[in-house]
Amino acid sequence: GNGIDSTPGRIVIHYTANIRGDLNLLPRLHTYLRRLRDARADASQRILLDLGETCAPEVWHCAATGGRSVLIGLDGMGYTAAAGESLSPADRAKLESHVSMALVFTGRPYVQGDLLFALHPTDGDGHLCVCLTPTRETRLENRLLTLAPLERGYIGEVVIEGGSGQYRLISSAVYTLPADTPPDATITGVVDFIVSEARYFQRRQGED
């Protein structure tokens, strides 16, 4: 062969948004995301994104951790990247030294393989640009993928085929987290850890 891969790759993106500090959602969300992702085992790339509003300032653990709490949970769940715009530079730096997922914010896109994750539409220079700021609908146009907005408890799924700068949208769907989804024990443990850390930060702030 001439080294050109003629079979287009299949990229599956799952995404969430507007968790707004609901740590109790994460263990059930993880179980369901794993189910959705396992159903797409044929994909050459599986991506997991959060579009932002992970924390809410009125939620105690969000206030105690400067908005880091839920993002630590998402990292434990294997997210690829999350919008980190709401974090202060200091909290962002603290978080980035502890997580392996990428934080995407203005002026700081993240590249993985053929994909470029950015907060706003960016010329990906041959990459497929995945925009983490939700727009009215999910669509793929001129190597720019925009994603429809979601409320808490919903999961978006986008299937794309292609490579080498040529992509097409195969399908997009939104799933509701079923009420009877069992919590994942590992993520329940992660949430317990996050809560105890947040209580520690809260106590220290009270002493200042």
N, C-alpha and C. Protein backbone atom coordinates (compact mmCIF):
# COMPACT_ATOMS: atom_id res chain seq x y z
N GLY A 1 0.82 -1.20 0.00
CA GLY A 1 0.00 0.00 0.00
C GLY A 1 0.87 1.26 0.00
N ASN A 2 0.24 2.37 -0.30
CA ASN A 2 0.98 3.64 -0.37
C ASN A 2 0.99 4.35 0.98
N GLY A 3 0.57 3.65 2.04
CA GLY A 3 0.64 4.25 3.36
C GLY A 3 -0.55 5.13 3.69
N ILE A 4 -1.48 5.29 2.74
CA ILE A 4 -2.67 6.10 3.03
C ILE A 4 -3.78 5.18 3.53
N ASP A 5 -4.30 5.50 4.70
CA ASP A 5 -5.36 4.68 5.28
C ASP A 5 -6.67 5.05 4.60
N SER A 6 -7.22 4.10 3.84
CA SER A 6 -8.43 4.42 3.08
C SER A 6 -9.69 4.25 3.92
N THR A 7 -9.62 3.54 5.06
CA THR A 7 -10.82 3.39 5.89
C THR A 7 -10.92 4.57 6.84
N PRO A 8 -11.99 5.37 6.69
CA PRO A 8 -12.10 6.54 7.56
C PRO A 8 -12.29 6.13 9.01
N GLY A 9 -11.72 6.90 9.90
CA GLY A 9 -11.88 6.60 11.32
C GLY A 9 -13.25 7.04 11.80
N ARG A 10 -13.72 6.40 12.87
CA ARG A 10 -15.00 6.80 13.46
C ARG A 10 -14.72 7.40 14.82
N ILE A 11 -15.12 8.66 14.98
CA ILE A 11 -14.90 9.37 16.24
C ILE A 11 -16.24 9.49 16.95
N VAL A 12 -16.27 9.04 18.20
CA VAL A 12 -17.50 9.15 18.99
C VAL A 12 -17.24 10.10 20.15
N ILE A 13 -18.06 11.15 20.23
CA ILE A 13 -17.94 12.13 21.30
C ILE A 13 -19.17 12.04 22.19
N HIS A 14 -18.95 11.86 23.48
CA HIS A 14 -20.03 12.00 24.46
C HIS A 14 -19.75 13.26 25.26
N TYR A 15 -20.81 13.99 25.61
CA TYR A 15 -20.56 15.23 26.36
C TYR A 15 -21.68 15.53 27.35
N THR A 16 -21.31 16.29 28.38
CA THR A 16 -22.24 16.72 29.42
C THR A 16 -22.08 18.22 29.61
N ALA A 17 -23.00 18.81 30.37
CA ALA A 17 -22.92 20.25 30.68
C ALA A 17 -23.85 20.55 31.86
N ASN A 18 -23.62 21.71 32.49
CA ASN A 18 -24.51 22.21 33.54
C ASN A 18 -24.69 21.26 34.73
N ILE A 19 -23.62 20.60 35.14
CA ILE A 19 -23.70 19.73 36.33
C ILE A 19 -23.94 20.59 37.58
N ARG A 20 -23.41 21.81 37.58
CA ARG A 20 -23.68 22.81 38.61
C ARG A 20 -23.55 22.27 40.04
N GLY A 21 -22.45 21.58 40.28
CA GLY A 21 -22.12 21.18 41.65
C GLY A 21 -22.78 19.92 42.15
N ASP A 22 -23.52 19.22 41.29
CA ASP A 22 -24.24 18.02 41.73
C ASP A 22 -23.31 16.79 41.75
N LEU A 23 -22.53 16.67 42.82
CA LEU A 23 -21.59 15.55 42.94
C LEU A 23 -22.32 14.21 42.98
N ASN A 24 -23.52 14.18 43.57
CA ASN A 24 -24.26 12.91 43.69
C ASN A 24 -24.65 12.33 42.33
N LEU A 25 -24.66 13.18 41.32
CA LEU A 25 -24.99 12.72 39.97
C LEU A 25 -23.86 11.86 39.37
N LEU A 26 -22.62 12.15 39.76
CA LEU A 26 -21.46 11.60 39.04
C LEU A 26 -21.38 10.07 39.04
N PRO A 27 -21.60 9.37 40.18
CA PRO A 27 -21.48 7.91 40.14
C PRO A 27 -22.47 7.24 39.19
N ARG A 28 -23.71 7.77 39.13
CA ARG A 28 -24.70 7.20 38.20
C ARG A 28 -24.38 7.60 36.76
N LEU A 29 -23.93 8.83 36.60
CA LEU A 29 -23.55 9.31 35.27
C LEU A 29 -22.42 8.45 34.69
N HIS A 30 -21.46 8.10 35.54
CA HIS A 30 -20.33 7.29 35.09
C HIS A 30 -20.79 5.92 34.59
N THR A 31 -21.70 5.29 35.34
CA THR A 31 -22.24 3.98 34.93
C THR A 31 -22.87 4.08 33.55
N TYR A 32 -23.69 5.12 33.36
CA TYR A 32 -24.43 5.24 32.10
C TYR A 32 -23.50 5.63 30.95
N LEU A 33 -22.54 6.51 31.21
CA LEU A 33 -21.57 6.87 30.18
C LEU A 33 -20.79 5.65 29.72
N ARG A 34 -20.44 4.79 30.67
CA ARG A 34 -19.67 3.59 30.31
C ARG A 34 -20.51 2.69 29.41
N ARG A 35 -21.79 2.60 29.73
CA ARG A 35 -22.71 1.81 28.91
C ARG A 35 -22.78 2.37 27.48
N LEU A 36 -22.94 3.68 27.38
CA LEU A 36 -23.02 4.32 26.05
C LEU A 36 -21.71 4.14 25.28
N ARG A 37 -20.60 4.27 25.98
CA ARG A 37 -19.30 4.18 25.31
C ARG A 37 -18.99 2.75 24.88
N ASP A 38 -19.38 1.78 25.72
CA ASP A 38 -19.17 0.36 25.37
C ASP A 38 -19.96 -0.01 24.12
N ALA A 39 -21.11 0.63 23.94
CA ALA A 39 -21.94 0.36 22.76
C ALA A 39 -21.27 0.88 21.49
N ARG A 40 -20.25 1.73 21.66
CA ARG A 40 -19.53 2.31 20.52
C ARG A 40 -18.07 1.81 20.49
N ALA A 41 -17.91 0.55 20.82
CA ALA A 41 -16.54 0.00 20.94
C ALA A 41 -15.80 -0.01 19.61
N ASP A 42 -16.53 0.12 18.48
CA ASP A 42 -15.89 0.09 17.17
C ASP A 42 -15.19 1.42 16.82
N ALA A 43 -15.37 2.43 17.65
CA ALA A 43 -14.82 3.75 17.32
C ALA A 43 -13.30 3.74 17.38
N SER A 44 -12.67 4.49 16.46
CA SER A 44 -11.21 4.61 16.51
C SER A 44 -10.79 5.62 17.58
N GLN A 45 -11.72 6.53 17.93
CA GLN A 45 -11.46 7.51 18.99
C GLN A 45 -12.73 7.73 19.77
N ARG A 46 -12.63 7.63 21.10
CA ARG A 46 -13.79 7.92 21.95
C ARG A 46 -13.42 9.08 22.87
N ILE A 47 -14.22 10.12 22.80
CA ILE A 47 -13.92 11.37 23.49
C ILE A 47 -15.04 11.66 24.48
N LEU A 48 -14.65 12.19 25.64
CA LEU A 48 -15.62 12.55 26.68
C LEU A 48 -15.35 13.99 27.09
N LEU A 49 -16.37 14.86 26.93
CA LEU A 49 -16.19 16.30 27.15
C LEU A 49 -17.21 16.85 28.13
N ASP A 50 -16.85 17.91 28.82
CA ASP A 50 -17.83 18.69 29.56
C ASP A 50 -17.77 20.13 29.08
N LEU A 51 -18.95 20.70 28.81
CA LEU A 51 -19.02 22.02 28.17
C LEU A 51 -19.08 23.18 29.17
N GLY A 52 -18.99 22.87 30.46
CA GLY A 52 -18.92 23.97 31.42
C GLY A 52 -20.09 24.03 32.38
N GLU A 53 -20.05 25.05 33.25
CA GLU A 53 -21.01 25.17 34.35
C GLU A 53 -20.94 23.92 35.23
N THR A 54 -19.74 23.42 35.46
CA THR A 54 -19.60 22.22 36.30
C THR A 54 -19.90 22.55 37.75
N CYS A 55 -19.55 23.75 38.18
CA CYS A 55 -19.79 24.15 39.56
C CYS A 55 -20.75 25.33 39.61
N ALA A 56 -21.28 25.58 40.79
CA ALA A 56 -22.14 26.75 41.01
C ALA A 56 -21.69 27.41 42.30
N PRO A 57 -21.49 28.73 42.31
CA PRO A 57 -20.89 29.39 43.47
C PRO A 57 -21.69 29.21 44.76
N GLU A 58 -23.02 28.98 44.62
CA GLU A 58 -23.83 28.83 45.84
C GLU A 58 -23.72 27.43 46.46
N VAL A 59 -23.07 26.49 45.77
CA VAL A 59 -22.89 25.14 46.31
C VAL A 59 -21.63 25.14 47.18
N TRP A 60 -21.76 24.66 48.42
CA TRP A 60 -20.69 24.84 49.41
C TRP A 60 -19.34 24.30 48.96
N HIS A 61 -19.31 23.08 48.35
CA HIS A 61 -18.00 22.50 47.98
C HIS A 61 -17.39 23.23 46.79
N CYS A 62 -18.24 23.83 45.94
CA CYS A 62 -17.73 24.65 44.83
C CYS A 62 -17.04 25.89 45.40
N ALA A 63 -17.70 26.53 46.38
CA ALA A 63 -17.13 27.72 47.01
C ALA A 63 -15.83 27.38 47.74
N ALA A 64 -15.82 26.23 48.43
CA ALA A 64 -14.64 25.85 49.23
C ALA A 64 -13.43 25.51 48.37
N THR A 65 -13.68 25.02 47.14
CA THR A 65 -12.55 24.57 46.29
C THR A 65 -12.29 25.51 45.12
N GLY A 66 -12.95 26.66 45.10
CA GLY A 66 -12.77 27.58 43.97
C GLY A 66 -13.26 27.00 42.65
N GLY A 67 -14.26 26.11 42.73
CA GLY A 67 -14.83 25.53 41.51
C GLY A 67 -14.14 24.28 41.01
N ARG A 68 -13.21 23.74 41.78
CA ARG A 68 -12.44 22.57 41.30
C ARG A 68 -13.13 21.24 41.57
N SER A 69 -14.05 21.21 42.54
CA SER A 69 -14.56 19.93 43.07
C SER A 69 -15.11 18.99 41.99
N VAL A 70 -16.06 19.46 41.20
CA VAL A 70 -16.69 18.59 40.21
C VAL A 70 -15.69 18.18 39.12
N LEU A 71 -14.80 19.11 38.75
CA LEU A 71 -13.81 18.81 37.72
C LEU A 71 -12.89 17.67 38.14
N ILE A 72 -12.57 17.59 39.44
CA ILE A 72 -11.76 16.47 39.93
C ILE A 72 -12.53 15.16 39.73
N GLY A 73 -13.85 15.21 39.97
CA GLY A 73 -14.68 14.04 39.73
C GLY A 73 -14.70 13.63 38.27
N LEU A 74 -14.82 14.59 37.38
CA LEU A 74 -14.84 14.29 35.94
C LEU A 74 -13.52 13.68 35.50
N ASP A 75 -12.42 14.17 36.06
CA ASP A 75 -11.12 13.59 35.74
C ASP A 75 -11.08 12.12 36.16
N GLY A 76 -11.62 11.82 37.33
CA GLY A 76 -11.69 10.43 37.79
C GLY A 76 -12.55 9.55 36.90
N MET A 77 -13.49 10.18 36.20
CA MET A 77 -14.39 9.46 35.29
C MET A 77 -13.79 9.29 33.90
N GLY A 78 -12.58 9.81 33.69
CA GLY A 78 -11.90 9.60 32.42
C GLY A 78 -12.24 10.60 31.33
N TYR A 79 -12.69 11.80 31.72
CA TYR A 79 -12.99 12.82 30.72
C TYR A 79 -11.72 13.21 29.96
N THR A 80 -11.89 13.51 28.67
CA THR A 80 -10.78 13.95 27.82
C THR A 80 -10.44 15.42 28.10
N ALA A 81 -11.50 16.24 28.13
CA ALA A 81 -11.30 17.69 28.30
C ALA A 81 -12.57 18.30 28.87
N ALA A 82 -12.39 19.45 29.53
CA ALA A 82 -13.53 20.16 30.11
C ALA A 82 -13.27 21.66 29.99
N ALA A 83 -14.34 22.42 29.86
CA ALA A 83 -14.22 23.88 29.83
C ALA A 83 -13.83 24.36 31.22
N GLY A 84 -12.74 25.12 31.31
CA GLY A 84 -12.24 25.57 32.60
C GLY A 84 -12.26 27.08 32.74
N GLU A 85 -13.13 27.73 31.99
CA GLU A 85 -13.13 29.19 31.91
C GLU A 85 -13.47 29.85 33.24
N SER A 86 -14.33 29.19 34.04
CA SER A 86 -14.82 29.84 35.26
C SER A 86 -13.79 29.81 36.40
N LEU A 87 -12.71 29.05 36.23
CA LEU A 87 -11.70 28.96 37.30
C LEU A 87 -10.78 30.18 37.29
N SER A 88 -10.36 30.60 38.46
CA SER A 88 -9.34 31.65 38.52
C SER A 88 -8.01 31.06 38.06
N PRO A 89 -7.07 31.88 37.58
CA PRO A 89 -5.77 31.33 37.16
C PRO A 89 -5.09 30.50 38.25
N ALA A 90 -5.23 30.92 39.51
CA ALA A 90 -4.59 30.17 40.61
C ALA A 90 -5.25 28.80 40.79
N ASP A 91 -6.58 28.76 40.75
CA ASP A 91 -7.29 27.49 40.91
C ASP A 91 -7.05 26.58 39.71
N ARG A 92 -6.93 27.18 38.53
CA ARG A 92 -6.65 26.41 37.32
C ARG A 92 -5.29 25.73 37.45
N ALA A 93 -4.30 26.50 37.90
CA ALA A 93 -2.95 25.96 38.04
C ALA A 93 -2.94 24.82 39.07
N LYS A 94 -3.66 25.01 40.18
CA LYS A 94 -3.75 23.96 41.22
C LYS A 94 -4.36 22.70 40.63
N LEU A 95 -5.44 22.88 39.87
CA LEU A 95 -6.15 21.72 39.32
C LEU A 95 -5.30 21.01 38.28
N GLU A 96 -4.65 21.78 37.43
CA GLU A 96 -3.89 21.16 36.33
C GLU A 96 -2.74 20.31 36.83
N SER A 97 -2.25 20.61 38.03
CA SER A 97 -1.16 19.77 38.54
C SER A 97 -1.68 18.45 39.11
N HIS A 98 -3.02 18.31 39.23
CA HIS A 98 -3.60 17.10 39.83
C HIS A 98 -4.44 16.25 38.88
N VAL A 99 -4.75 16.76 37.70
CA VAL A 99 -5.63 16.00 36.80
C VAL A 99 -4.93 15.69 35.49
N SER A 100 -5.41 14.62 34.83
CA SER A 100 -4.82 14.29 33.53
C SER A 100 -5.69 14.77 32.37
N MET A 101 -6.96 15.14 32.63
CA MET A 101 -7.76 15.68 31.52
C MET A 101 -7.31 17.11 31.23
N ALA A 102 -7.64 17.56 30.01
CA ALA A 102 -7.24 18.91 29.61
C ALA A 102 -8.29 19.92 30.05
N LEU A 103 -7.83 21.09 30.49
CA LEU A 103 -8.74 22.22 30.74
C LEU A 103 -8.66 23.16 29.56
N VAL A 104 -9.81 23.47 28.98
CA VAL A 104 -9.85 24.34 27.80
C VAL A 104 -10.42 25.68 28.23
N PHE A 105 -9.71 26.75 27.90
CA PHE A 105 -10.23 28.08 28.19
C PHE A 105 -9.79 29.04 27.08
N THR A 106 -10.26 30.28 27.14
CA THR A 106 -9.98 31.25 26.08
C THR A 106 -8.47 31.36 25.84
N GLY A 107 -8.08 31.22 24.58
CA GLY A 107 -6.66 31.32 24.25
C GLY A 107 -5.86 30.06 24.54
N ARG A 108 -6.51 29.01 25.05
CA ARG A 108 -5.79 27.78 25.36
C ARG A 108 -6.58 26.57 24.86
N PRO A 109 -6.53 26.33 23.54
CA PRO A 109 -7.17 25.12 23.02
C PRO A 109 -6.33 23.89 23.38
N TYR A 110 -6.88 22.72 23.11
CA TYR A 110 -6.19 21.47 23.40
C TYR A 110 -6.28 20.60 22.14
N VAL A 111 -5.15 20.03 21.74
CA VAL A 111 -5.11 19.19 20.54
C VAL A 111 -4.88 17.74 20.94
N GLN A 112 -5.71 16.85 20.40
CA GLN A 112 -5.48 15.41 20.57
C GLN A 112 -5.72 14.74 19.23
N GLY A 113 -4.65 14.23 18.64
CA GLY A 113 -4.77 13.59 17.32
C GLY A 113 -5.26 14.59 16.28
N ASP A 114 -6.36 14.22 15.59
CA ASP A 114 -6.93 15.08 14.54
C ASP A 114 -7.85 16.16 15.10
N LEU A 115 -8.07 16.13 16.41
CA LEU A 115 -9.09 17.02 16.98
C LEU A 115 -8.46 18.17 17.74
N LEU A 116 -9.12 19.33 17.64
CA LEU A 116 -8.70 20.50 18.39
C LEU A 116 -9.92 20.96 19.19
N PHE A 117 -9.78 21.00 20.51
CA PHE A 117 -10.88 21.42 21.39
C PHE A 117 -10.65 22.87 21.78
N ALA A 118 -11.63 23.72 21.51
CA ALA A 118 -11.47 25.14 21.80
C ALA A 118 -12.77 25.67 22.38
N LEU A 119 -12.66 26.77 23.12
CA LEU A 119 -13.85 27.36 23.73
C LEU A 119 -14.69 28.09 22.68
N HIS A 120 -14.02 28.61 21.66
CA HIS A 120 -14.71 29.36 20.61
C HIS A 120 -14.25 28.84 19.26
N PRO A 121 -15.06 29.00 18.21
CA PRO A 121 -14.64 28.51 16.89
C PRO A 121 -13.25 29.01 16.52
N THR A 122 -12.40 28.08 16.13
CA THR A 122 -11.00 28.37 15.84
C THR A 122 -10.64 27.68 14.54
N ASP A 123 -9.82 28.29 13.73
CA ASP A 123 -9.34 27.60 12.53
C ASP A 123 -8.37 26.52 12.99
N GLY A 124 -8.79 25.28 12.84
CA GLY A 124 -8.01 24.16 13.36
C GLY A 124 -6.79 23.83 12.53
N ASP A 125 -6.57 24.55 11.41
CA ASP A 125 -5.37 24.30 10.61
C ASP A 125 -5.29 22.84 10.20
N GLY A 126 -6.40 22.33 9.63
CA GLY A 126 -6.45 20.92 9.22
C GLY A 126 -7.08 20.02 10.26
N HIS A 127 -7.06 20.43 11.53
CA HIS A 127 -7.74 19.66 12.57
C HIS A 127 -9.25 19.87 12.47
N LEU A 128 -10.00 18.97 13.08
CA LEU A 128 -11.42 19.19 13.28
C LEU A 128 -11.56 19.96 14.58
N CYS A 129 -12.13 21.17 14.52
CA CYS A 129 -12.29 22.00 15.72
C CYS A 129 -13.60 21.65 16.40
N VAL A 130 -13.51 21.22 17.65
CA VAL A 130 -14.71 20.92 18.45
C VAL A 130 -14.89 22.09 19.41
N CYS A 131 -16.01 22.81 19.24
CA CYS A 131 -16.24 24.02 20.03
C CYS A 131 -16.98 23.66 21.32
N LEU A 132 -16.37 24.01 22.46
CA LEU A 132 -16.94 23.65 23.76
C LEU A 132 -17.98 24.64 24.27
N THR A 133 -18.19 25.74 23.54
CA THR A 133 -19.28 26.64 23.94
C THR A 133 -20.51 26.22 23.15
N PRO A 134 -21.57 25.75 23.84
CA PRO A 134 -22.72 25.20 23.10
C PRO A 134 -23.41 26.26 22.24
N THR A 135 -23.92 25.82 21.10
CA THR A 135 -24.69 26.69 20.22
C THR A 135 -26.06 26.04 20.01
N ARG A 136 -26.88 26.64 19.16
CA ARG A 136 -28.27 26.20 19.04
C ARG A 136 -28.42 24.72 18.70
N GLU A 137 -27.55 24.23 17.83
CA GLU A 137 -27.71 22.83 17.41
C GLU A 137 -26.35 22.19 17.14
N THR A 138 -26.38 20.87 17.09
CA THR A 138 -25.17 20.14 16.76
C THR A 138 -25.03 20.11 15.24
N ARG A 139 -23.91 20.65 14.76
CA ARG A 139 -23.67 20.59 13.31
C ARG A 139 -22.17 20.60 13.02
N LEU A 140 -21.85 20.04 11.86
CA LEU A 140 -20.46 19.97 11.42
C LEU A 140 -20.36 20.67 10.08
N GLU A 141 -19.56 21.74 10.03
CA GLU A 141 -19.45 22.55 8.83
C GLU A 141 -18.03 23.07 8.73
N ASN A 142 -17.39 22.87 7.59
CA ASN A 142 -16.02 23.39 7.38
C ASN A 142 -15.09 23.04 8.54
N ARG A 143 -15.09 21.77 8.91
CA ARG A 143 -14.19 21.28 9.97
C ARG A 143 -14.43 21.97 11.32
N LEU A 144 -15.65 22.46 11.53
CA LEU A 144 -16.02 23.02 12.83
C LEU A 144 -17.25 22.27 13.34
N LEU A 145 -17.11 21.64 14.50
CA LEU A 145 -18.22 20.93 15.13
C LEU A 145 -18.76 21.78 16.27
N THR A 146 -20.04 22.17 16.17
CA THR A 146 -20.68 22.86 17.29
C THR A 146 -21.66 21.89 17.94
N LEU A 147 -21.88 22.06 19.24
CA LEU A 147 -22.67 21.11 20.01
C LEU A 147 -23.89 21.79 20.61
N ALA A 148 -25.01 21.09 20.59
CA ALA A 148 -26.26 21.62 21.14
C ALA A 148 -26.14 21.68 22.67
N PRO A 149 -26.82 22.65 23.30
CA PRO A 149 -26.76 22.76 24.76
C PRO A 149 -27.47 21.59 25.44
N LEU A 150 -27.07 21.32 26.67
CA LEU A 150 -27.67 20.23 27.45
C LEU A 150 -27.93 20.71 28.87
N GLU A 151 -28.95 20.17 29.49
CA GLU A 151 -29.16 20.39 30.92
C GLU A 151 -28.55 19.24 31.70
N ARG A 152 -28.47 19.41 33.00
CA ARG A 152 -27.93 18.37 33.89
C ARG A 152 -28.76 17.09 33.76
N GLY A 153 -28.05 15.95 33.74
CA GLY A 153 -28.74 14.67 33.65
C GLY A 153 -28.98 14.20 32.22
N TYR A 154 -28.47 14.95 31.26
CA TYR A 154 -28.55 14.55 29.85
C TYR A 154 -27.14 14.34 29.31
N ILE A 155 -27.02 13.46 28.33
CA ILE A 155 -25.72 13.17 27.71
C ILE A 155 -25.88 13.32 26.20
N GLY A 156 -25.01 14.11 25.59
CA GLY A 156 -25.01 14.25 24.14
C GLY A 156 -24.07 13.23 23.52
N GLU A 157 -24.44 12.74 22.35
CA GLU A 157 -23.57 11.80 21.62
C GLU A 157 -23.48 12.25 20.16
N VAL A 158 -22.25 12.34 19.67
CA VAL A 158 -22.01 12.74 18.28
C VAL A 158 -21.08 11.71 17.64
N VAL A 159 -21.45 11.24 16.48
CA VAL A 159 -20.62 10.27 15.76
C VAL A 159 -20.16 10.93 14.45
N ILE A 160 -18.85 10.92 14.26
CA ILE A 160 -18.23 11.57 13.09
C ILE A 160 -17.36 10.55 12.39
N GLU A 161 -17.31 10.64 11.06
CA GLU A 161 -16.42 9.76 10.31
C GLU A 161 -15.47 10.62 9.50
N GLY A 162 -14.25 10.13 9.37
CA GLY A 162 -13.31 10.84 8.51
C GLY A 162 -11.91 10.86 9.06
N GLY A 163 -11.12 11.78 8.49
CA GLY A 163 -9.72 11.91 8.83
C GLY A 163 -9.05 12.71 7.75
N SER A 164 -7.81 13.07 7.95
CA SER A 164 -7.04 13.84 6.97
C SER A 164 -7.79 15.09 6.50
N GLY A 165 -8.46 15.76 7.45
CA GLY A 165 -9.10 17.02 7.12
C GLY A 165 -10.49 16.89 6.50
N GLN A 166 -10.97 15.67 6.26
CA GLN A 166 -12.30 15.47 5.68
C GLN A 166 -13.19 14.75 6.71
N TYR A 167 -14.28 15.41 7.11
CA TYR A 167 -15.13 14.81 8.14
C TYR A 167 -16.59 14.95 7.77
N ARG A 168 -17.39 13.98 8.21
CA ARG A 168 -18.84 14.14 8.06
C ARG A 168 -19.54 13.65 9.32
N LEU A 169 -20.65 14.31 9.61
CA LEU A 169 -21.44 13.99 10.79
C LEU A 169 -22.34 12.81 10.46
N ILE A 170 -22.19 11.72 11.19
CA ILE A 170 -23.01 10.52 10.96
C ILE A 170 -24.31 10.62 11.74
N SER A 171 -24.21 10.98 13.02
CA SER A 171 -25.42 11.08 13.83
C SER A 171 -25.17 11.94 15.06
N SER A 172 -26.25 12.49 15.60
CA SER A 172 -26.16 13.15 16.90
C SER A 172 -27.43 12.83 17.67
N ALA A 173 -27.28 12.64 18.98
CA ALA A 173 -28.43 12.25 19.81
C ALA A 173 -28.23 12.81 21.21
N VAL A 174 -29.33 12.90 21.94
CA VAL A 174 -29.26 13.27 23.36
C VAL A 174 -29.97 12.19 24.15
N TYR A 175 -29.29 11.69 25.18
CA TYR A 175 -29.85 10.65 26.03
C TYR A 175 -30.14 11.22 27.42
N THR A 176 -31.20 10.71 28.04
CA THR A 176 -31.53 11.07 29.42
C THR A 176 -30.95 10.00 30.33
N LEU A 177 -30.31 10.42 31.40
CA LEU A 177 -29.79 9.46 32.38
C LEU A 177 -30.98 8.74 33.03
N PRO A 178 -31.10 7.41 32.85
CA PRO A 178 -32.25 6.71 33.43
C PRO A 178 -32.21 6.77 34.96
N ALA A 179 -33.38 6.96 35.56
CA ALA A 179 -33.47 7.15 37.02
C ALA A 179 -32.96 5.94 37.80
N ASP A 180 -33.06 4.75 37.18
CA ASP A 180 -32.66 3.53 37.91
C ASP A 180 -31.21 3.13 37.66
N THR A 181 -30.40 4.02 37.08
CA THR A 181 -28.99 3.70 36.81
C THR A 181 -28.26 3.52 38.14
N PRO A 182 -27.59 2.37 38.35
CA PRO A 182 -26.88 2.18 39.62
C PRO A 182 -25.60 3.01 39.68
N PRO A 183 -25.23 3.50 40.87
CA PRO A 183 -24.00 4.28 40.99
C PRO A 183 -22.76 3.40 40.86
N ASP A 184 -21.72 3.94 40.27
CA ASP A 184 -20.44 3.23 40.15
C ASP A 184 -19.69 3.38 41.48
N ALA A 185 -19.27 2.26 42.06
CA ALA A 185 -18.66 2.28 43.40
C ALA A 185 -17.36 3.08 43.43
N THR A 186 -16.55 2.97 42.38
CA THR A 186 -15.28 3.69 42.35
C THR A 186 -15.51 5.20 42.37
N ILE A 187 -16.47 5.66 41.57
CA ILE A 187 -16.74 7.10 41.50
C ILE A 187 -17.41 7.58 42.79
N THR A 188 -18.21 6.71 43.42
CA THR A 188 -18.76 7.05 44.74
C THR A 188 -17.62 7.33 45.72
N GLY A 189 -16.57 6.51 45.65
CA GLY A 189 -15.38 6.72 46.49
C GLY A 189 -14.66 8.01 46.16
N VAL A 190 -14.59 8.33 44.87
CA VAL A 190 -13.96 9.59 44.44
C VAL A 190 -14.74 10.78 45.00
N VAL A 191 -16.08 10.70 44.93
CA VAL A 191 -16.93 11.78 45.44
C VAL A 191 -16.73 11.95 46.95
N ASP A 192 -16.66 10.83 47.68
CA ASP A 192 -16.42 10.91 49.14
C ASP A 192 -15.10 11.63 49.43
N PHE A 193 -14.08 11.32 48.65
CA PHE A 193 -12.77 11.95 48.80
C PHE A 193 -12.87 13.46 48.53
N ILE A 194 -13.57 13.83 47.44
CA ILE A 194 -13.73 15.24 47.07
C ILE A 194 -14.43 16.01 48.20
N VAL A 195 -15.48 15.40 48.76
CA VAL A 195 -16.24 16.06 49.84
C VAL A 195 -15.36 16.26 51.07
N SER A 196 -14.57 15.23 51.43
CA SER A 196 -13.73 15.39 52.63
C SER A 196 -12.63 16.44 52.40
N GLU A 197 -12.07 16.49 51.19
CA GLU A 197 -11.09 17.53 50.86
C GLU A 197 -11.72 18.92 50.92
N ALA A 198 -12.94 19.03 50.38
CA ALA A 198 -13.63 20.32 50.37
C ALA A 198 -13.94 20.79 51.80
N ARG A 199 -14.30 19.83 52.68
CA ARG A 199 -14.55 20.19 54.09
C ARG A 199 -13.27 20.71 54.75
N TYR A 200 -12.16 20.10 54.39
CA TYR A 200 -10.87 20.53 54.91
C TYR A 200 -10.57 21.97 54.46
N PHE A 201 -10.78 22.25 53.17
CA PHE A 201 -10.56 23.62 52.65
C PHE A 201 -11.49 24.62 53.32
N GLN A 202 -12.74 24.17 53.53
CA GLN A 202 -13.74 25.04 54.16
C GLN A 202 -13.31 25.41 55.58
N ARG A 203 -12.81 24.41 56.33
CA ARG A 203 -12.34 24.67 57.71
C ARG A 203 -11.17 25.64 57.71
N ARG A 204 -10.25 25.42 56.76
CA ARG A 204 -9.07 26.31 56.70
C ARG A 204 -9.47 27.74 56.37
N GLN A 205 -10.46 27.88 55.48
CA GLN A 205 -10.93 29.23 55.15
C GLN A 205 -11.58 29.89 56.36
N GLY A 206 -12.27 29.07 57.17
CA GLY A 206 -12.93 29.59 58.37
C GLY A 206 -11.91 30.08 59.40
N GLU A 207 -10.71 29.45 59.35
CA GLU A 207 -9.66 29.84 60.32
C GLU A 207 -8.94 31.10 59.91
N ASP A 208 -8.97 31.40 58.61
CA ASP A 208 -8.23 32.58 58.12
C ASP A 208 -8.84 33.89 58.64
